[in-house]
C-alpha atoms as a PDB file:
ATOM      1  CA  UNK A   1     -52.898-202.589 -62.270  1.00  0.00           C
ATOM      2  CA  UNK A   2     -50.039-205.065 -62.781  1.00  0.00           C
ATOM      3  CA  UNK A   3     -47.588-202.620 -61.239  1.00  0.00           C
ATOM      4  CA  UNK A   4     -49.843-202.170 -58.196  1.00  0.00           C
ATOM      5  CA  UNK A   5     -50.084-205.941 -57.883  1.00  0.00           C
ATOM      6  CA  UNK A   6     -46.277-206.311 -57.938  1.00  0.00           C
ATOM      7  CA  UNK A   7     -45.889-203.527 -55.375  1.00  0.00           C
ATOM      8  CA  UNK A   8     -48.399-205.209 -53.075  1.00  0.00           C
ATOM      9  CA  UNK A   9     -46.490-208.506 -53.360  1.00  0.00           C
ATOM     10  CA  UNK A  10     -43.266-206.639 -52.584  1.00  0.00           C
ATOM     11  CA  UNK A  11     -44.950-205.093 -49.526  1.00  0.00           C
ATOM     12  CA  UNK A  12     -46.032-208.534 -48.278  1.00  0.00           C
ATOM     13  CA  UNK A  13     -42.506-209.882 -48.711  1.00  0.00           C
ATOM     14  CA  UNK A  14     -41.738-213.362 -47.386  1.00  0.00           C
ATOM     15  CA  UNK A  15     -45.346-213.915 -46.310  1.00  0.00           C
ATOM     16  CA  UNK A  16     -46.501-213.940 -49.946  1.00  0.00           C
ATOM     17  CA  UNK A  17     -47.595-217.194 -51.563  1.00  0.00           C
ATOM     18  CA  UNK A  18     -49.179-217.635 -55.030  1.00  0.00           C
ATOM     19  CA  UNK A  19     -52.441-218.873 -53.461  1.00  0.00           C
ATOM     20  CA  UNK A  20     -53.062-215.268 -52.327  1.00  0.00           C
ATOM     21  CA  UNK A  21     -53.312-213.885 -55.872  1.00  0.00           C
ATOM     22  CA  UNK A  22     -57.114-213.791 -56.064  1.00  0.00           C
ATOM     23  CA  UNK A  23     -57.300-212.214 -52.594  1.00  0.00           C
ATOM     24  CA  UNK A  24     -54.746-209.537 -53.522  1.00  0.00           C
ATOM     25  CA  UNK A  25     -56.561-208.831 -56.783  1.00  0.00           C
ATOM     26  CA  UNK A  26     -59.779-208.401 -54.809  1.00  0.00           C
ATOM     27  CA  UNK A  27     -58.067-205.975 -52.391  1.00  0.00           C
ATOM     28  CA  UNK A  28     -56.762-203.857 -55.266  1.00  0.00           C
ATOM     29  CA  UNK A  29     -60.109-203.928 -57.052  1.00  0.00           C
ATOM     30  CA  UNK A  30     -61.969-202.904 -53.888  1.00  0.00           C
ATOM     31  CA  UNK A  31     -59.441-200.135 -53.179  1.00  0.00           C
ATOM     32  CA  UNK A  32     -59.836-198.854 -56.735  1.00  0.00           C
ATOM     33  CA  UNK A  33     -63.630-198.893 -56.354  1.00  0.00           C
ATOM     34  CA  UNK A  34     -63.364-196.862 -53.127  1.00  0.00           C
ATOM     35  CA  UNK A  35     -61.208-194.216 -54.802  1.00  0.00           C
ATOM     36  CA  UNK A  36     -63.501-194.097 -57.836  1.00  0.00           C
ATOM     37  CA  UNK A  37     -66.543-193.701 -55.555  1.00  0.00           C
ATOM     38  CA  UNK A  38     -64.863-190.701 -53.947  1.00  0.00           C
ATOM     39  CA  UNK A  39     -64.041-189.235 -57.356  1.00  0.00           C
ATOM     40  CA  UNK A  40     -67.517-189.854 -58.806  1.00  0.00           C
ATOM     41  CA  UNK A  41     -70.014-189.890 -55.924  1.00  0.00           C
ATOM     42  CA  UNK A  42     -72.971-189.668 -58.349  1.00  0.00           C
ATOM     43  CA  UNK A  43     -72.079-192.732 -60.395  1.00  0.00           C
ATOM     44  CA  UNK A  44     -71.507-193.173 -64.114  1.00  0.00           C
ATOM     45  CA  UNK A  45     -73.609-192.712 -67.206  1.00  0.00           C
ATOM     46  CA  UNK A  46     -72.209-195.821 -68.901  1.00  0.00           C
ATOM     47  CA  UNK A  47     -69.994-198.845 -68.403  1.00  0.00           C
ATOM     48  CA  UNK A  48     -67.489-197.323 -70.823  1.00  0.00           C
ATOM     49  CA  UNK A  49     -67.264-194.200 -68.646  1.00  0.00           C
ATOM     50  CA  UNK A  50     -66.733-196.338 -65.540  1.00  0.00           C
ATOM     51  CA  UNK A  51     -63.827-198.210 -67.145  1.00  0.00           C
ATOM     52  CA  UNK A  52     -62.264-194.926 -68.275  1.00  0.00           C
ATOM     53  CA  UNK A  53     -62.593-193.412 -64.795  1.00  0.00           C
ATOM     54  CA  UNK A  54     -61.045-196.492 -63.154  1.00  0.00           C
ATOM     55  CA  UNK A  55     -58.039-196.190 -65.465  1.00  0.00           C
ATOM     56  CA  UNK A  56     -57.757-192.486 -64.614  1.00  0.00           C
ATOM     57  CA  UNK A  57     -58.000-193.257 -60.879  1.00  0.00           C
ATOM     58  CA  UNK A  58     -55.203-195.826 -61.113  1.00  0.00           C
ATOM     59  CA  UNK A  59     -52.953-193.301 -62.880  1.00  0.00           C
ATOM     60  CA  UNK A  60     -53.764-190.372 -60.606  1.00  0.00           C
ATOM     61  CA  UNK A  61     -54.213-192.047 -57.199  1.00  0.00           C
ATOM     62  CA  UNK A  62     -51.975-195.117 -57.521  1.00  0.00           C
ATOM     63  CA  UNK A  63     -50.318-194.652 -54.121  1.00  0.00           C
ATOM     64  CA  UNK A  64     -53.662-194.167 -52.368  1.00  0.00           C
ATOM     65  CA  UNK A  65     -55.016-197.353 -53.938  1.00  0.00           C
ATOM     66  CA  UNK A  66     -51.885-199.256 -52.892  1.00  0.00           C
ATOM     67  CA  UNK A  67     -52.038-197.926 -49.318  1.00  0.00           C
ATOM     68  CA  UNK A  68     -55.731-198.827 -48.975  1.00  0.00           C
ATOM     69  CA  UNK A  69     -55.006-202.372 -50.217  1.00  0.00           C
ATOM     70  CA  UNK A  70     -52.044-202.652 -47.802  1.00  0.00           C
ATOM     71  CA  UNK A  71     -54.221-201.442 -44.916  1.00  0.00           C
ATOM     72  CA  UNK A  72     -56.855-204.084 -45.594  1.00  0.00           C
ATOM     73  CA  UNK A  73     -54.202-206.781 -46.114  1.00  0.00           C
ATOM     74  CA  UNK A  74     -52.740-205.990 -42.693  1.00  0.00           C
ATOM     75  CA  UNK A  75     -56.202-205.981 -41.160  1.00  0.00           C
ATOM     76  CA  UNK A  76     -57.333-209.335 -42.598  1.00  0.00           C
ATOM     77  CA  UNK A  77     -58.986-211.521 -40.007  1.00  0.00           C
ATOM     78  CA  UNK A  78     -60.026-208.466 -37.988  1.00  0.00           C
ATOM     79  CA  UNK A  79     -62.659-207.058 -40.352  1.00  0.00           C
ATOM     80  CA  UNK A  80     -65.364-205.171 -38.518  1.00  0.00           C
ATOM     81  CA  UNK A  81     -63.203-204.759 -35.403  1.00  0.00           C
ATOM     82  CA  UNK A  82     -62.290-201.267 -34.242  1.00  0.00           C
ATOM     83  CA  UNK A  83     -59.870-202.402 -31.512  1.00  0.00           C
ATOM     84  CA  UNK A  84     -58.257-205.506 -30.026  1.00  0.00           C
ATOM     85  CA  UNK A  85     -55.532-206.553 -27.618  1.00  0.00           C
ATOM     86  CA  UNK A  86     -53.236-209.565 -27.677  1.00  0.00           C
ATOM     87  CA  UNK A  87     -50.133-210.450 -25.644  1.00  0.00           C
ATOM     88  CA  UNK A  88     -49.901-206.964 -24.207  1.00  0.00           C
ATOM     89  CA  UNK A  89     -50.250-205.269 -27.599  1.00  0.00           C
ATOM     90  CA  UNK A  90     -53.311-203.116 -28.242  1.00  0.00           C
ATOM     91  CA  UNK A  91     -54.428-201.960 -31.674  1.00  0.00           C
ATOM     92  CA  UNK A  92     -57.300-199.651 -32.561  1.00  0.00           C
ATOM     93  CA  UNK A  93     -58.626-198.616 -35.954  1.00  0.00           C
ATOM     94  CA  UNK A  94     -60.477-195.455 -36.999  1.00  0.00           C
ATOM     95  CA  UNK A  95     -63.409-197.529 -38.214  1.00  0.00           C
ATOM     96  CA  UNK A  96     -64.165-200.993 -39.494  1.00  0.00           C
ATOM     97  CA  UNK A  97     -63.796-199.830 -43.120  1.00  0.00           C
ATOM     98  CA  UNK A  98     -61.167-197.696 -44.805  1.00  0.00           C
ATOM     99  CA  UNK A  99     -60.316-194.672 -42.638  1.00  0.00           C
ATOM    100  CA  UNK A 100     -61.329-191.357 -44.163  1.00  0.00           C
ATOM    101  CA  UNK A 101     -57.725-190.167 -43.861  1.00  0.00           C
ATOM    102  CA  UNK A 102     -56.777-192.623 -46.638  1.00  0.00           C
ATOM    103  CA  UNK A 103     -59.275-190.940 -48.968  1.00  0.00           C
ATOM    104  CA  UNK A 104     -58.231-187.382 -48.126  1.00  0.00           C
ATOM    105  CA  UNK A 105     -57.012-185.429 -51.123  1.00  0.00           C
ATOM    106  CA  UNK A 106     -59.203-187.179 -53.684  1.00  0.00           C
ATOM    107  CA  UNK A 107     -60.975-184.492 -55.659  1.00  0.00           C
ATOM    108  CA  UNK A 108     -64.606-185.346 -56.471  1.00  0.00           C
ATOM    109  CA  UNK A 109     -65.970-184.597 -59.921  1.00  0.00           C
ATOM    110  CA  UNK A 110     -69.162-182.510 -59.898  1.00  0.00           C
ATOM    111  CA  UNK A 111     -71.974-182.881 -62.371  1.00  0.00           C
ATOM    112  CA  UNK A 112     -74.237-180.115 -63.528  1.00  0.00           C
ATOM    113  CA  UNK A 113     -77.809-181.336 -63.696  1.00  0.00           C
END
């Protein structure tokens, strides 16, 4: 997770300030949770399993987690908005949450009941 955090800071560049650390940690945690939810749509049998799966998700889908966090960093202040226009520039988003295209390629784990 430390490497993802450093990469996110590098992405932000000159706009980064240490006061953003908790916000960036939250973005990475939320992005990891989204990937894990795609991998395990039926939940976990224990807290230990959840921790193990999160570690596996970070190893396997690191770039997806980073891109989701970057997307939400760029979109801060416009949460819930699907489109806006300012000074002749128009922007539209797939949805108010993470676009499904960011989650494409994540292979869900099936459970036999």
